Amino acid sequence: MKIGDLVADQDGQMGIVLTEPRLSADCEPGGEAYEEGDIYWLVDVQMPRYVESVATDEIEVLSENR
């Protein structure tokens, strides 16, 4: 997943990826997910009316940016 990819969330709403994947703050030392051993990555997605941080495993790439 990279900047410019067209993605859809679990509700079917489409958006454009604005950032490279980054480790969630919860997954860093001291975070809640870190203590449980969970690791997940976030990207910022421009939805039609707002920007949302979304876990990469919760969206599907519909079209890759070239």
PDB file of N, CA and C in Angstrom:
ATOM      1  N   MET A   1       0.850  -1.164   0.000  1.00  0.00           N
ATOM      2  CA  MET A   1       0.000   0.000   0.000  1.00  0.00           C
ATOM      3  C   MET A   1       0.899   1.231   0.000  1.00  0.00           C
ATOM      4  N   LYS A   2       0.565   2.182  -0.890  1.00  0.00           N
ATOM      5  CA  LYS A   2       1.398   3.371  -0.977  1.00  0.00           C
ATOM      6  C   LYS A   2       0.552   4.611  -1.252  1.00  0.00           C
ATOM      7  N   ILE A   3       1.179   5.760  -1.144  1.00  0.00           N
ATOM      8  CA  ILE A   3       0.492   7.031  -1.355  1.00  0.00           C
ATOM      9  C   ILE A   3      -0.126   7.049  -2.752  1.00  0.00           C
ATOM     10  N   GLY A   4      -1.379   7.462  -2.814  1.00  0.00           N
ATOM     11  CA  GLY A   4      -2.086   7.577  -4.086  1.00  0.00           C
ATOM     12  C   GLY A   4      -2.955   6.383  -4.426  1.00  0.00           C
ATOM     13  N   ASP A   5      -2.837   5.288  -3.683  1.00  0.00           N
ATOM     14  CA  ASP A   5      -3.691   4.115  -3.938  1.00  0.00           C
ATOM     15  C   ASP A   5      -5.148   4.444  -3.627  1.00  0.00           C
ATOM     16  N   LEU A   6      -6.043   3.933  -4.451  1.00  0.00           N
ATOM     17  CA  LEU A   6      -7.476   4.036  -4.201  1.00  0.00           C
ATOM     18  C   LEU A   6      -7.873   2.842  -3.353  1.00  0.00           C
ATOM     19  N   VAL A   7      -8.524   3.101  -2.207  1.00  0.00           N
ATOM     20  CA  VAL A   7      -8.881   2.041  -1.283  1.00  0.00           C
ATOM     21  C   VAL A   7     -10.359   2.136  -0.902  1.00  0.00           C
ATOM     22  N   ALA A   8     -10.875   1.041  -0.351  1.00  0.00           N
ATOM     23  CA  ALA A   8     -12.240   1.013   0.171  1.00  0.00           C
ATOM     24  C   ALA A   8     -12.194   0.453   1.580  1.00  0.00           C
ATOM     25  N   ASP A   9     -12.987   1.047   2.479  1.00  0.00           N
ATOM     26  CA  ASP A   9     -13.044   0.528   3.840  1.00  0.00           C
ATOM     27  C   ASP A   9     -14.095  -0.574   3.925  1.00  0.00           C
ATOM     28  N   GLN A  10     -14.322  -1.080   5.109  1.00  0.00           N
ATOM     29  CA  GLN A  10     -15.237  -2.201   5.295  1.00  0.00           C
ATOM     30  C   GLN A  10     -16.691  -1.840   4.986  1.00  0.00           C
ATOM     31  N   ASP A  11     -17.009  -0.535   4.984  1.00  0.00           N
ATOM     32  CA  ASP A  11     -18.357  -0.086   4.647  1.00  0.00           C
ATOM     33  C   ASP A  11     -18.509   0.212   3.161  1.00  0.00           C
ATOM     34  N   GLY A  12     -17.415   0.040   2.405  1.00  0.00           N
ATOM     35  CA  GLY A  12     -17.453   0.287   0.970  1.00  0.00           C
ATOM     36  C   GLY A  12     -17.149   1.722   0.586  1.00  0.00           C
ATOM     37  N   GLN A  13     -16.844   2.570   1.567  1.00  0.00           N
ATOM     38  CA  GLN A  13     -16.511   3.959   1.271  1.00  0.00           C
ATOM     39  C   GLN A  13     -15.102   4.018   0.699  1.00  0.00           C
ATOM     40  N   MET A  14     -14.930   4.762  -0.389  1.00  0.00           N
ATOM     41  CA  MET A  14     -13.636   4.833  -1.066  1.00  0.00           C
ATOM     42  C   MET A  14     -12.869   6.080  -0.666  1.00  0.00           C
ATOM     43  N   GLY A  15     -11.532   5.969  -0.760  1.00  0.00           N
ATOM     44  CA  GLY A  15     -10.666   7.097  -0.451  1.00  0.00           C
ATOM     45  C   GLY A  15      -9.295   6.893  -1.066  1.00  0.00           C
ATOM     46  N   ILE A  16      -8.449   7.906  -0.915  1.00  0.00           N
ATOM     47  CA  ILE A  16      -7.094   7.901  -1.455  1.00  0.00           C
ATOM     48  C   ILE A  16      -6.107   7.893  -0.285  1.00  0.00           C
ATOM     49  N   VAL A  17      -5.105   7.007  -0.346  1.00  0.00           N
ATOM     50  CA  VAL A  17      -4.087   6.924   0.695  1.00  0.00           C
ATOM     51  C   VAL A  17      -3.186   8.157   0.613  1.00  0.00           C
ATOM     52  N   LEU A  18      -3.008   8.833   1.761  1.00  0.00           N
ATOM     53  CA  LEU A  18      -2.213  10.061   1.817  1.00  0.00           C
ATOM     54  C   LEU A  18      -0.826   9.873   2.434  1.00  0.00           C
ATOM     55  N   THR A  19      -0.621   8.800   3.215  1.00  0.00           N
ATOM     56  CA  THR A  19       0.645   8.602   3.920  1.00  0.00           C
ATOM     57  C   THR A  19       1.135   7.171   3.754  1.00  0.00           C
ATOM     58  N   GLU A  20       2.429   6.983   3.973  1.00  0.00           N
ATOM     59  CA  GLU A  20       3.001   5.639   4.016  1.00  0.00           C
ATOM     60  C   GLU A  20       2.514   4.944   5.293  1.00  0.00           C
ATOM     61  N   PRO A  21       2.413   3.617   5.305  1.00  0.00           N
ATOM     62  CA  PRO A  21       2.022   2.906   6.527  1.00  0.00           C
ATOM     63  C   PRO A  21       2.988   3.204   7.672  1.00  0.00           C
ATOM     64  N   ARG A  22       2.421   3.381   8.869  1.00  0.00           N
ATOM     65  CA  ARG A  22       3.211   3.643  10.066  1.00  0.00           C
ATOM     66  C   ARG A  22       2.678   2.791  11.201  1.00  0.00           C
ATOM     67  N   LEU A  23       3.552   2.438  12.113  1.00  0.00           N
ATOM     68  CA  LEU A  23       3.172   1.637  13.270  1.00  0.00           C
ATOM     69  C   LEU A  23       2.293   2.477  14.181  1.00  0.00           C
ATOM     70  N   SER A  24       1.192   1.911  14.644  1.00  0.00           N
ATOM     71  CA  SER A  24       0.306   2.619  15.555  1.00  0.00           C
ATOM     72  C   SER A  24       1.023   2.907  16.864  1.00  0.00           C
ATOM     73  N   ALA A  25       0.711   4.043  17.482  1.00  0.00           N
ATOM     74  CA  ALA A  25       1.310   4.411  18.769  1.00  0.00           C
ATOM     75  C   ALA A  25       0.989   3.368  19.831  1.00  0.00           C
ATOM     76  N   ASP A  26      -0.163   2.690  19.725  1.00  0.00           N
ATOM     77  CA  ASP A  26      -0.533   1.638  20.680  1.00  0.00           C
ATOM     78  C   ASP A  26       0.445   0.464  20.629  1.00  0.00           C
ATOM     79  N   CYS A  27       1.115   0.289  19.502  1.00  0.00           N
ATOM     80  CA  CYS A  27       2.010  -0.853  19.310  1.00  0.00           C
ATOM     81  C   CYS A  27       3.445  -0.563  19.755  1.00  0.00           C
ATOM     82  N   GLU A  28       3.723   0.676  20.135  1.00  0.00           N
ATOM     83  CA  GLU A  28       5.050   1.045  20.605  1.00  0.00           C
ATOM     84  C   GLU A  28       5.185   0.734  22.090  1.00  0.00           C
ATOM     85  N   PRO A  29       6.407   0.629  22.592  1.00  0.00           N
ATOM     86  CA  PRO A  29       6.593   0.335  24.020  1.00  0.00           C
ATOM     87  C   PRO A  29       5.771   1.275  24.907  1.00  0.00           C
ATOM     88  N   GLY A  30       5.072   0.681  25.858  1.00  0.00           N
ATOM     89  CA  GLY A  30       4.202   1.438  26.748  1.00  0.00           C
ATOM     90  C   GLY A  30       2.763   1.521  26.272  1.00  0.00           C
ATOM     91  N   GLY A  31       2.518   1.151  25.029  1.00  0.00           N
ATOM     92  CA  GLY A  31       1.164   1.185  24.483  1.00  0.00           C
ATOM     93  C   GLY A  31       0.380  -0.058  24.867  1.00  0.00           C
ATOM     94  N   GLU A  32      -0.927   0.064  24.822  1.00  0.00           N
ATOM     95  CA  GLU A  32      -1.814  -1.045  25.207  1.00  0.00           C
ATOM     96  C   GLU A  32      -1.624  -2.277  24.326  1.00  0.00           C
ATOM     97  N   ALA A  33      -1.546  -2.092  23.018  1.00  0.00           N
ATOM     98  CA  ALA A  33      -1.391  -3.221  22.100  1.00  0.00           C
ATOM     99  C   ALA A  33       0.003  -3.846  22.219  1.00  0.00           C
ATOM    100  N   TYR A  34       1.010  -3.040  22.557  1.00  0.00           N
ATOM    101  CA  TYR A  34       2.383  -3.551  22.707  1.00  0.00           C
ATOM    102  C   TYR A  34       2.438  -4.615  23.793  1.00  0.00           C
ATOM    103  N   GLU A  35       1.763  -4.358  24.892  1.00  0.00           N
ATOM    104  CA  GLU A  35       1.764  -5.297  26.012  1.00  0.00           C
ATOM    105  C   GLU A  35       1.067  -6.604  25.658  1.00  0.00           C
ATOM    106  N   GLU A  36       0.109  -6.550  24.734  1.00  0.00           N
ATOM    107  CA  GLU A  36      -0.630  -7.744  24.320  1.00  0.00           C
ATOM    108  C   GLU A  36       0.011  -8.428  23.121  1.00  0.00           C
ATOM    109  N   GLY A  37       1.045  -7.817  22.555  1.00  0.00           N
ATOM    110  CA  GLY A  37       1.737  -8.406  21.406  1.00  0.00           C
ATOM    111  C   GLY A  37       1.067  -8.136  20.080  1.00  0.00           C
ATOM    112  N   ASP A  38       0.085  -7.247  20.040  1.00  0.00           N
ATOM    113  CA  ASP A  38      -0.588  -6.891  18.785  1.00  0.00           C
ATOM    114  C   ASP A  38       0.255  -5.881  18.017  1.00  0.00           C
ATOM    115  N   ILE A  39       0.291  -6.028  16.702  1.00  0.00           N
ATOM    116  CA  ILE A  39       0.984  -5.072  15.845  1.00  0.00           C
ATOM    117  C   ILE A  39       0.051  -4.732  14.692  1.00  0.00           C
ATOM    118  N   TYR A  40      -0.170  -3.443  14.479  1.00  0.00           N
ATOM    119  CA  TYR A  40      -0.943  -3.038  13.310  1.00  0.00           C
ATOM    120  C   TYR A  40      -0.434  -1.700  12.798  1.00  0.00           C
ATOM    121  N   TRP A  41      -0.650  -1.507  11.506  1.00  0.00           N
ATOM    122  CA  TRP A  41      -0.140  -0.346  10.791  1.00  0.00           C
ATOM    123  C   TRP A  41      -1.294   0.551  10.392  1.00  0.00           C
ATOM    124  N   LEU A  42      -1.057   1.863  10.385  1.00  0.00           N
ATOM    125  CA  LEU A  42      -2.066   2.842  10.020  1.00  0.00           C
ATOM    126  C   LEU A  42      -1.632   3.641   8.793  1.00  0.00           C
ATOM    127  N   VAL A  43      -2.613   4.090   8.025  1.00  0.00           N
ATOM    128  CA  VAL A  43      -2.393   5.058   6.951  1.00  0.00           C
ATOM    129  C   VAL A  43      -3.473   6.122   7.079  1.00  0.00           C
ATOM    130  N   ASP A  44      -3.173   7.338   6.631  1.00  0.00           N
ATOM    131  CA  ASP A  44      -4.192   8.379   6.561  1.00  0.00           C
ATOM    132  C   ASP A  44      -4.847   8.282   5.200  1.00  0.00           C
ATOM    133  N   VAL A  45      -6.180   8.285   5.193  1.00  0.00           N
ATOM    134  CA  VAL A  45      -6.944   8.144   3.953  1.00  0.00           C
ATOM    135  C   VAL A  45      -7.857   9.354   3.792  1.00  0.00           C
ATOM    136  N   GLN A  46      -7.800   9.983   2.610  1.00  0.00           N
ATOM    137  CA  GLN A  46      -8.699  11.078   2.289  1.00  0.00           C
ATOM    138  C   GLN A  46     -10.011  10.487   1.822  1.00  0.00           C
ATOM    139  N   MET A  47     -11.012  10.551   2.704  1.00  0.00           N
ATOM    140  CA  MET A  47     -12.366  10.129   2.350  1.00  0.00           C
ATOM    141  C   MET A  47     -13.045  11.322   1.681  1.00  0.00           C
ATOM    142  N   PRO A  48     -14.249  11.161   1.167  1.00  0.00           N
ATOM    143  CA  PRO A  48     -14.884  12.273   0.446  1.00  0.00           C
ATOM    144  C   PRO A  48     -14.968  13.583   1.243  1.00  0.00           C
ATOM    145  N   ARG A  49     -15.181  13.502   2.563  1.00  0.00           N
ATOM    146  CA  ARG A  49     -15.374  14.742   3.326  1.00  0.00           C
ATOM    147  C   ARG A  49     -14.422  14.919   4.506  1.00  0.00           C
ATOM    148  N   TYR A  50     -13.523  13.988   4.718  1.00  0.00           N
ATOM    149  CA  TYR A  50     -12.628  14.061   5.875  1.00  0.00           C
ATOM    150  C   TYR A  50     -11.427  13.153   5.664  1.00  0.00           C
ATOM    151  N   VAL A  51     -10.412  13.340   6.521  1.00  0.00           N
ATOM    152  CA  VAL A  51      -9.234  12.467   6.519  1.00  0.00           C
ATOM    153  C   VAL A  51      -9.332  11.577   7.746  1.00  0.00           C
ATOM    154  N   GLU A  52      -9.077  10.278   7.551  1.00  0.00           N
ATOM    155  CA  GLU A  52      -9.194   9.317   8.640  1.00  0.00           C
ATOM    156  C   GLU A  52      -7.955   8.427   8.693  1.00  0.00           C
ATOM    157  N   SER A  53      -7.478   8.136   9.901  1.00  0.00           N
ATOM    158  CA  SER A  53      -6.416   7.152  10.083  1.00  0.00           C
ATOM    159  C   SER A  53      -7.072   5.787  10.166  1.00  0.00           C
ATOM    160  N   VAL A  54      -6.645   4.868   9.293  1.00  0.00           N
ATOM    161  CA  VAL A  54      -7.278   3.559   9.172  1.00  0.00           C
ATOM    162  C   VAL A  54      -6.203   2.475   9.243  1.00  0.00           C
ATOM    163  N   ALA A  55      -6.510   1.377   9.925  1.00  0.00           N
ATOM    164  CA  ALA A  55      -5.598   0.233   9.968  1.00  0.00           C
ATOM    165  C   ALA A  55      -5.537  -0.396   8.578  1.00  0.00           C
ATOM    166  N   THR A  56      -4.336  -0.776   8.158  1.00  0.00           N
ATOM    167  CA  THR A  56      -4.167  -1.312   6.811  1.00  0.00           C
ATOM    168  C   THR A  56      -4.924  -2.615   6.586  1.00  0.00           C
ATOM    169  N   ASP A  57      -5.190  -3.358   7.655  1.00  0.00           N
ATOM    170  CA  ASP A  57      -5.931  -4.607   7.482  1.00  0.00           C
ATOM    171  C   ASP A  57      -7.443  -4.390   7.438  1.00  0.00           C
ATOM    172  N   GLU A  58      -7.882  -3.132   7.546  1.00  0.00           N
ATOM    173  CA  GLU A  58      -9.303  -2.815   7.489  1.00  0.00           C
ATOM    174  C   GLU A  58      -9.718  -2.165   6.177  1.00  0.00           C
ATOM    175  N   ILE A  59      -8.756  -2.045   5.236  1.00  0.00           N
ATOM    176  CA  ILE A  59      -9.069  -1.468   3.934  1.00  0.00           C
ATOM    177  C   ILE A  59      -8.537  -2.375   2.827  1.00  0.00           C
ATOM    178  N   GLU A  60      -9.149  -2.233   1.670  1.00  0.00           N
ATOM    179  CA  GLU A  60      -8.763  -3.029   0.495  1.00  0.00           C
ATOM    180  C   GLU A  60      -8.304  -2.106  -0.613  1.00  0.00           C
ATOM    181  N   VAL A  61      -7.190  -2.421  -1.243  1.00  0.00           N
ATOM    182  CA  VAL A  61      -6.693  -1.620  -2.363  1.00  0.00           C
ATOM    183  C   VAL A  61      -7.527  -1.957  -3.596  1.00  0.00           C
ATOM    184  N   LEU A  62      -8.147  -0.938  -4.173  1.00  0.00           N
ATOM    185  CA  LEU A  62      -8.945  -1.126  -5.385  1.00  0.00           C
ATOM    186  C   LEU A  62      -8.126  -0.857  -6.635  1.00  0.00           C
ATOM    187  N   SER A  63      -7.238   0.151  -6.545  1.00  0.00           N
ATOM    188  CA  SER A  63      -6.399   0.516  -7.690  1.00  0.00           C
ATOM    189  C   SER A  63      -5.091   1.086  -7.141  1.00  0.00           C
ATOM    190  N   GLU A  64      -3.973   0.548  -7.628  1.00  0.00           N
ATOM    191  CA  GLU A  64      -2.674   1.004  -7.172  1.00  0.00           C
ATOM    192  C   GLU A  64      -2.212   2.218  -7.957  1.00  0.00           C
ATOM    193  N   ASN A  65      -1.565   3.149  -7.252  1.00  0.00           N
ATOM    194  CA  ASN A  65      -0.933   4.286  -7.881  1.00  0.00           C
ATOM    195  C   ASN A  65       0.317   3.815  -8.612  1.00  0.00           C
ATOM    196  N   ARG A  66       0.596   4.331  -9.754  1.00  0.00           N
ATOM    197  CA  ARG A  66       1.774   3.893 -10.513  1.00  0.00           C
ATOM    198  C   ARG A  66       2.933   4.756 -10.264  1.00  0.00           C
TER     199      ARG A  66
END
